Amino acid sequence: MPREVVELSYKVEHLSILDKDGNLDEALEPELTDEFLLSLHRWMLLGRRFDERMLSLQRQGRIGTFAPITGQEAANIGAASALRDSDWMVVAFRETAGELMRGRSLVDTLLYYGGYNEGGYIDKGVNNLPVAVPVGSQTLHAVGIAWSIKYRGGDDVAMVFFGDGATSQGDFHEALNFAGVYQVPAVFVCQNNQWAISVPREQQTRSKTLAQKALAYGVPGIQVDGNDVLAVYTAAAEAIDRARTDKGPTLIEAVTYRMSVHTTADDPSRYREDEEVEKWAERDPITRFQIYLEHKGLLDDKKIETLEEDVAQQIRDAVQKAEEVMGDSVDPLGMFDYMYAEPHGYLMAQREELAAELEAKEAHRG
């Protein structure tokens, strides 16, 4: 029998509404209220300034390691803002701005990264999952939630965030395959920030886009400018509408950039050039959106200054409250008390080592 070509009609669109200079494609501009637009801007700015403050706190030893989001605020906020409260948001570890917008408090975030279990508490009725550090694992959790929504006949959706590195994990492909087969109401948001820790995107896959990985599973994929909050919102709203109306899942590739470190334990100067960072800094999502809002008459220098002061005060108040909880009244040695029913020698050796360090530190203070 002769070889036959299997005709495939697949395609991947790239969506951009605001260019790097804030110029607008009016034909694609979404119809959003002024209040909503200003809200997007405020959450993006709060995410950026809180990120900067946490980095300062970590360098001072006042909180532990965390993953900064600077540069990725539009991908966070643009996607999450299209959800309704009853929908589910399933995060990785670089979605702080979106989590704040969805109800997580600044204080709880600081407590969490300060090592306090209480900081991971999620209020009843808030449909967010906690931070998932194992790369790509949360994609399966989101699909499970989406499957349960469909099974129960609901019309909510589950939106899951992950990075470009997660697309190299088996969990991601299993999740997409299940989502495609069962047509569950899931929205996959890949924050392609160009680096999986120190591995550049071009060394992870030969695919021209990450969005096209959805096509093999019968799922639509779209690539958007991840530093354009309007484009991310538009793509997310369209994907949510499909999911909500029983038309199945979507993969969104938000092309963005990690301006800061992978985590505070990382030194990006060892694997990327400053010139690359500077190039992406010209595409800053907040600067771009501010230009757009100024052109619409919604922002000016005075309003931005006032907002900056308000955000700074909100962060100062949160740091003060968090540090009141993280005072010296808590005994660090308590962490060893509930690890095992019967403490073993190695655990006790660690406890004794820490006790000696704390005693030496206290003696040095005296």
Foldseek 3Di string as FASTA:
>chain_A
DDDDDDDDPDDAAEDDAQFLQLDGPVVQFDDDDLVVLVVLLLLLVLLQVLLVVVLVCCVVVNFAKAFRQFFQSLLLSLQLVLFDQQAAEEEAGRNVSNVVVLPQASLLVRCVRRVHPSSQDDDPSGRYHGHHHPAQQSLQVQLVVQVVCVVVPHLHAYEYEHELVSLLDPNNVVSLLSQLVVQGRYEYEYAHQQDPQQDGNVNRDPDPDSQCVSVVNVAHGYEYQSLANSRSNVVSNVQSVCNSVSNGYYYYYHHIHDLDHRMSVGDNVVRDDPVVSVVRVSSRSSSSSQVNCVVVVNDDPVRVVVSVVVSVVSNVVSVVVNVVVVDPPDDPLVVLVPPDPDDDDVSVVVSVVVVVVVVVVVVVVD
